[in-house]
Amino acid sequence: MGKDKEPVDIIVLNYNGLDFLKPLINSLFKNTVYPFHLFIIDNGSTEKGTKEYLDDLSRKRSEVTVHYNDENLGFSKGNNVGLDLSSHQYVLFLNNDILIPKSGWLTNLVQTIENDPSIAIVGCKLLYPNNTIQHAGCILSKDFLTTLRVFDHRGRFESSYKYSQIEPIPAVTFATALVRRNLVTKLDESYEMGYFEDMDKCCEVRKNGYQVYYNGQVELYHYESATLYKLPSQYWQAHQLKNCLLFRERWLKWLIEDLKKQPSFYGWTKAELKILNEVRY
């Protein structure tokens, strides 16, 4: 696996997701040539067979570390446990419901972030199992002032052949995101259950003068929120609302001012910006 290179620390958070986790791990070892150390943070799973599988995996693979949380700490706290355990300069957040179809993906992401020291975060193209796009970077929703939505996944449900460029972008999902650890601090634990903490971090690093990049040449499959949807809907919807309000209070005015400076960067036209300028907020 290219032992002369410093490994990437990969953090996978798991909660009762064994049916997704096993294929991810198989595809990770099959299709990753770049050196890595895998930190699996189990977030208090109660699913039968989870501990047996993870203990067996860590015994067989020296590059695997398993940590068990006593309870479900949520996305931010759980991943922060992984950050505390990791030590290398590049860290990859990777959801347990990702599938890696071919090799070269991690090498490509590392080459992108190494290309410019101002790049703090790199995301990639995520596809649904039917080969339509789930995520091709995030742009600002056209109705972000009137709904709870702030960012939209660019290219959603469009052809997988689109958005294959490498470029700066306002934000990317942390379902798969390579970060430079000296520029990306821990995730804000005020956000619970996996909503808006990634958007918060992307805004933070950009406000600090660094860049978020999208690499559309890397394509992974994503089943999207497979773990969250196992929880009662009223539970995760309440957290989604709470997190959205927190994010809007913290970042909305900054986003509006930045949007006015560079509307095309956010996926807006000058005509759309003109309408926004006529709105009081």
Protein backbone atom coordinates (compact mmCIF):
# COMPACT_ATOMS: atom_id res chain seq x y z
CA MET A 1 0.00 0.00 0.00
CA GLY A 2 2.83 2.44 -0.59
CA LYS A 3 4.46 2.24 2.83
CA ASP A 4 6.75 5.18 2.09
CA LYS A 5 3.77 7.54 2.31
CA GLU A 6 2.21 8.78 5.53
CA PRO A 7 -1.12 7.01 6.05
CA VAL A 8 -4.45 8.74 5.95
CA ASP A 9 -6.47 8.24 9.12
CA ILE A 10 -9.95 7.10 8.11
CA ILE A 11 -12.74 7.53 10.66
CA VAL A 12 -15.87 5.43 10.21
CA LEU A 13 -18.70 5.97 12.68
CA ASN A 14 -21.07 3.03 13.12
CA TYR A 15 -24.39 2.62 14.88
CA ASN A 16 -26.40 -0.55 14.23
CA GLY A 17 -25.30 -0.49 10.61
CA LEU A 18 -23.65 -3.87 10.12
CA ASP A 19 -25.42 -4.57 6.79
CA PHE A 20 -23.79 -1.42 5.37
CA LEU A 21 -20.54 -1.53 7.31
CA LYS A 22 -19.43 -4.95 6.07
CA PRO A 23 -19.63 -4.07 2.35
CA LEU A 24 -17.88 -0.76 3.04
CA ILE A 25 -14.98 -2.47 4.80
CA ASN A 26 -14.68 -5.10 2.06
CA SER A 27 -14.62 -2.45 -0.66
CA LEU A 28 -12.21 -0.27 1.33
CA PHE A 29 -9.58 -2.99 1.60
CA LYS A 30 -10.18 -4.22 -1.94
CA ASN A 31 -10.01 -0.84 -3.68
CA THR A 32 -7.62 1.30 -1.63
CA VAL A 33 -3.94 1.33 -2.58
CA TYR A 34 -2.98 4.46 -0.62
CA PRO A 35 -1.82 3.66 2.94
CA PHE A 36 -4.40 4.23 5.64
CA HIS A 37 -5.25 3.47 9.25
CA LEU A 38 -8.89 2.76 9.90
CA PHE A 39 -10.57 3.92 13.10
CA ILE A 40 -14.01 2.39 13.54
CA ILE A 41 -15.95 4.22 16.24
CA ASP A 42 -18.93 2.15 17.32
CA ASN A 43 -21.56 4.48 18.73
CA GLY A 44 -23.16 2.16 21.26
CA SER A 45 -24.54 -0.39 18.78
CA THR A 46 -26.99 -2.96 20.11
CA GLU A 47 -27.16 -4.94 16.87
CA LYS A 48 -26.34 -8.63 17.26
CA GLY A 49 -22.97 -9.62 15.84
CA THR A 50 -21.47 -6.14 15.76
CA LYS A 51 -18.85 -6.63 18.49
CA GLU A 52 -17.90 -10.05 17.19
CA TYR A 53 -17.36 -8.70 13.68
CA LEU A 54 -15.38 -5.66 14.81
CA ASP A 55 -13.22 -7.59 17.27
CA ASP A 56 -12.41 -10.17 14.62
CA LEU A 57 -11.58 -7.44 12.10
CA SER A 58 -9.20 -5.68 14.48
CA ARG A 59 -7.46 -8.97 15.28
CA LYS A 60 -6.91 -9.78 11.60
CA ARG A 61 -5.98 -6.28 10.41
CA SER A 62 -3.17 -4.37 12.09
CA GLU A 63 -4.31 -1.16 10.37
CA VAL A 64 -7.69 -1.27 12.14
CA THR A 65 -8.45 0.27 15.53
CA VAL A 66 -11.91 -0.23 17.04
CA HIS A 67 -13.27 1.99 19.79
CA TYR A 68 -16.56 1.33 21.55
CA ASN A 69 -18.66 4.19 22.90
CA ASP A 70 -21.07 3.24 25.68
CA GLU A 71 -23.91 5.11 23.98
CA ASN A 72 -24.84 6.81 20.73
CA LEU A 73 -22.95 10.11 20.98
CA GLY A 74 -24.22 11.42 17.64
CA PHE A 75 -22.20 12.36 14.56
CA SER A 76 -20.05 15.19 15.91
CA LYS A 77 -19.10 13.66 19.25
CA GLY A 78 -18.56 10.25 17.74
CA ASN A 79 -16.25 11.53 15.03
CA ASN A 80 -14.41 13.70 17.55
CA VAL A 81 -13.54 10.52 19.44
CA GLY A 82 -11.93 9.32 16.22
CA LEU A 83 -10.08 12.59 15.81
CA ASP A 84 -8.64 12.20 19.31
CA LEU A 85 -7.38 8.73 18.42
CA SER A 86 -5.93 9.71 15.05
CA SER A 87 -2.52 11.31 14.56
CA HIS A 88 -1.66 11.81 10.88
CA GLN A 89 -1.92 15.07 8.94
CA TYR A 90 -4.79 13.94 6.71
CA VAL A 91 -8.04 12.58 8.14
CA LEU A 92 -10.91 11.17 6.14
CA PHE A 93 -14.47 11.17 7.46
CA LEU A 94 -16.27 8.23 5.84
CA ASN A 95 -19.88 7.21 6.45
CA ASN A 96 -20.59 3.57 7.14
CA ASP A 97 -23.09 3.48 4.24
CA ILE A 98 -20.50 4.27 1.53
CA LEU A 99 -19.39 1.75 -1.09
CA ILE A 100 -16.08 2.15 -2.94
CA PRO A 101 -16.36 0.80 -6.51
CA LYS A 102 -12.79 1.13 -7.78
CA SER A 103 -9.23 1.89 -6.72
CA GLY A 104 -7.39 5.20 -6.89
CA TRP A 105 -10.04 7.18 -5.06
CA LEU A 106 -8.01 7.99 -1.93
CA THR A 107 -4.85 8.71 -3.92
CA ASN A 108 -6.84 11.18 -6.01
CA LEU A 109 -8.25 12.97 -2.96
CA VAL A 110 -4.82 13.22 -1.32
CA GLN A 111 -3.28 14.62 -4.51
CA THR A 112 -6.00 17.28 -4.59
CA ILE A 113 -5.43 18.48 -1.04
CA GLU A 114 -1.63 18.32 -1.43
CA ASN A 115 -1.85 20.52 -4.52
CA ASP A 116 -2.50 23.70 -2.51
CA PRO A 117 -1.73 24.32 1.20
CA SER A 118 -4.79 26.57 1.41
CA ILE A 119 -7.13 23.63 0.77
CA ALA A 120 -8.55 22.43 4.09
CA ILE A 121 -11.29 20.05 2.94
CA VAL A 122 -11.88 17.93 -0.17
CA GLY A 123 -15.13 16.14 -0.97
CA CYS A 124 -16.15 13.99 -3.90
CA LYS A 125 -19.06 12.91 -6.08
CA LEU A 126 -21.50 10.59 -4.32
CA LEU A 127 -23.91 8.45 -6.30
CA TYR A 128 -27.11 6.63 -5.48
CA PRO A 129 -27.08 2.89 -6.24
CA ASN A 130 -29.01 3.64 -9.48
CA ASN A 131 -26.05 5.76 -10.70
CA THR A 132 -27.70 9.14 -10.36
CA ILE A 133 -25.96 11.85 -8.37
CA GLN A 134 -26.67 12.28 -4.68
CA HIS A 135 -24.00 14.90 -4.04
CA ALA A 136 -21.69 16.93 -6.29
CA GLY A 137 -20.73 19.58 -3.77
CA CYS A 138 -23.09 22.03 -2.07
CA ILE A 139 -24.49 25.31 -3.38
CA LEU A 140 -26.72 27.83 -1.65
CA SER A 141 -30.42 27.06 -1.92
CA LYS A 142 -32.43 29.65 -3.86
CA ASP A 143 -35.03 29.71 -1.08
CA PHE A 144 -32.67 29.71 1.89
CA LEU A 145 -34.35 32.82 3.33
CA THR A 146 -37.84 31.35 3.36
CA THR A 147 -37.30 27.69 4.26
CA LEU A 148 -35.18 25.67 6.67
CA ARG A 149 -32.98 24.57 3.81
CA VAL A 150 -29.68 26.42 3.44
CA PHE A 151 -27.48 24.36 1.12
CA ASP A 152 -28.56 22.06 -1.69
CA HIS A 153 -26.70 19.02 -2.94
CA ARG A 154 -25.66 20.08 -6.43
CA GLY A 155 -26.64 17.70 -9.21
CA ARG A 156 -29.09 15.67 -7.17
CA PHE A 157 -30.75 12.93 -9.27
CA GLU A 158 -28.85 14.04 -12.37
CA SER A 159 -26.67 11.82 -14.57
CA SER A 160 -23.48 10.47 -13.00
CA TYR A 161 -21.54 11.80 -16.01
CA LYS A 162 -22.04 15.39 -14.89
CA TYR A 163 -19.93 17.47 -12.47
CA SER A 164 -16.66 15.59 -12.98
CA GLN A 165 -14.42 18.64 -12.53
CA ILE A 166 -12.11 19.57 -9.66
CA GLU A 167 -12.94 23.00 -8.24
CA PRO A 168 -13.47 25.13 -5.12
CA ILE A 169 -16.99 24.85 -3.73
CA PRO A 170 -18.90 26.48 -0.83
CA ALA A 171 -19.32 23.22 1.07
CA VAL A 172 -19.23 19.42 0.86
CA THR A 173 -20.90 16.71 2.87
CA PHE A 174 -18.79 14.92 5.45
CA ALA A 175 -20.24 11.60 4.34
CA THR A 176 -16.87 11.50 2.57
CA ALA A 177 -14.44 14.32 3.25
CA LEU A 178 -10.66 14.45 3.44
CA VAL A 179 -9.45 17.18 5.81
CA ARG A 180 -6.13 18.72 6.75
CA ARG A 181 -6.10 18.23 10.51
CA ASN A 182 -4.12 21.40 11.33
CA LEU A 183 -6.79 23.51 9.58
CA VAL A 184 -9.91 21.60 10.60
CA THR A 185 -10.58 21.49 14.32
CA LYS A 186 -13.07 19.20 16.00
CA LEU A 187 -16.68 19.19 14.88
CA ASP A 188 -18.97 21.41 16.92
CA GLU A 189 -20.79 19.12 19.34
CA SER A 190 -23.68 21.57 19.62
CA TYR A 191 -24.92 19.92 16.42
CA GLU A 192 -26.55 16.60 17.17
CA MET A 193 -27.46 13.50 15.18
CA GLY A 194 -25.68 14.36 11.94
CA TYR A 195 -27.07 17.58 10.50
CA PHE A 196 -25.26 20.82 9.62
CA GLU A 197 -21.99 20.16 11.48
CA ASP A 198 -20.25 19.62 8.13
CA MET A 199 -21.70 22.80 6.64
CA ASP A 200 -20.66 24.66 9.80
CA LYS A 201 -17.09 23.41 9.45
CA CYS A 202 -16.92 24.32 5.76
CA CYS A 203 -18.08 27.87 6.51
CA GLU A 204 -15.60 28.13 9.37
CA VAL A 205 -12.55 27.17 7.30
CA ARG A 206 -13.57 29.45 4.45
CA LYS A 207 -14.15 32.37 6.80
CA ASN A 208 -10.63 31.71 8.11
CA GLY A 209 -9.25 32.13 4.58
CA TYR A 210 -8.93 28.49 3.51
CA GLN A 211 -10.62 26.56 0.74
CA VAL A 212 -13.11 23.72 0.38
CA TYR A 213 -12.70 21.68 -2.80
CA TYR A 214 -14.84 19.24 -4.75
CA ASN A 215 -13.22 16.43 -6.76
CA GLY A 216 -15.75 15.06 -9.22
CA GLN A 217 -13.28 12.54 -10.57
CA VAL A 218 -13.76 10.46 -7.43
CA GLU A 219 -17.09 8.64 -7.44
CA LEU A 220 -18.39 6.62 -4.49
CA TYR A 221 -21.80 5.13 -3.79
CA HIS A 222 -23.81 6.43 -0.85
CA TYR A 223 -26.99 4.97 0.59
CA GLU A 224 -27.59 8.27 2.45
CA SER A 225 -28.61 8.49 6.11
CA ALA A 226 -29.04 4.74 6.45
CA THR A 227 -28.32 4.92 10.18
CA LEU A 228 -30.43 8.00 10.92
CA TYR A 229 -33.50 6.58 9.24
CA LYS A 230 -33.45 3.63 11.66
CA LEU A 231 -34.30 6.07 14.45
CA PRO A 232 -37.86 7.33 15.10
CA SER A 233 -38.63 10.06 12.56
CA GLN A 234 -39.79 12.59 15.16
CA TYR A 235 -36.46 12.13 16.95
CA TRP A 236 -34.14 12.93 14.06
CA GLN A 237 -36.49 15.58 12.64
CA ALA A 238 -36.39 17.46 15.93
CA HIS A 239 -32.60 17.39 15.89
CA GLN A 240 -32.58 18.48 12.27
CA LEU A 241 -34.69 21.53 13.14
CA LYS A 242 -32.55 22.41 16.15
CA ASN A 243 -29.33 22.13 14.16
CA CYS A 244 -30.68 24.16 11.27
CA LEU A 245 -31.72 27.02 13.54
CA LEU A 246 -28.29 26.99 15.19
CA PHE A 247 -26.55 27.06 11.82
CA ARG A 248 -28.73 29.87 10.49
CA GLU A 249 -28.17 32.01 13.57
CA ARG A 250 -24.41 31.54 13.27
CA TRP A 251 -23.82 31.78 9.53
CA LEU A 252 -26.76 33.32 7.64
CA LYS A 253 -25.57 36.94 7.59
CA TRP A 254 -22.02 35.92 6.68
CA LEU A 255 -23.32 33.74 3.85
CA ILE A 256 -25.45 36.58 2.47
CA GLU A 257 -22.50 38.96 2.43
CA ASP A 258 -20.24 36.37 0.82
CA LEU A 259 -22.95 35.54 -1.73
CA LYS A 260 -23.08 39.19 -2.78
CA LYS A 261 -19.32 39.16 -3.43
CA GLN A 262 -19.30 35.99 -5.55
CA PRO A 263 -22.79 34.84 -6.57
CA SER A 264 -21.63 32.39 -9.25
CA PHE A 265 -19.53 30.56 -6.66
CA TYR A 266 -22.75 29.73 -4.82
CA GLY A 267 -24.57 28.71 -8.00
CA TRP A 268 -26.50 31.97 -8.31
CA THR A 269 -27.04 34.31 -11.25
CA LYS A 270 -26.87 38.11 -11.05
CA ALA A 271 -30.63 38.23 -11.62
CA GLU A 272 -31.24 35.97 -8.63
CA LEU A 273 -28.90 38.08 -6.54
CA LYS A 274 -30.79 41.22 -7.54
CA ILE A 275 -33.99 39.75 -6.11
CA LEU A 276 -32.16 38.93 -2.87
CA ASN A 277 -30.86 42.50 -2.59
CA GLU A 278 -34.45 43.72 -2.57
CA VAL A 279 -35.30 41.60 0.48
CA ARG A 280 -34.91 42.87 4.02
CA TYR A 281 -33.43 40.39 6.47
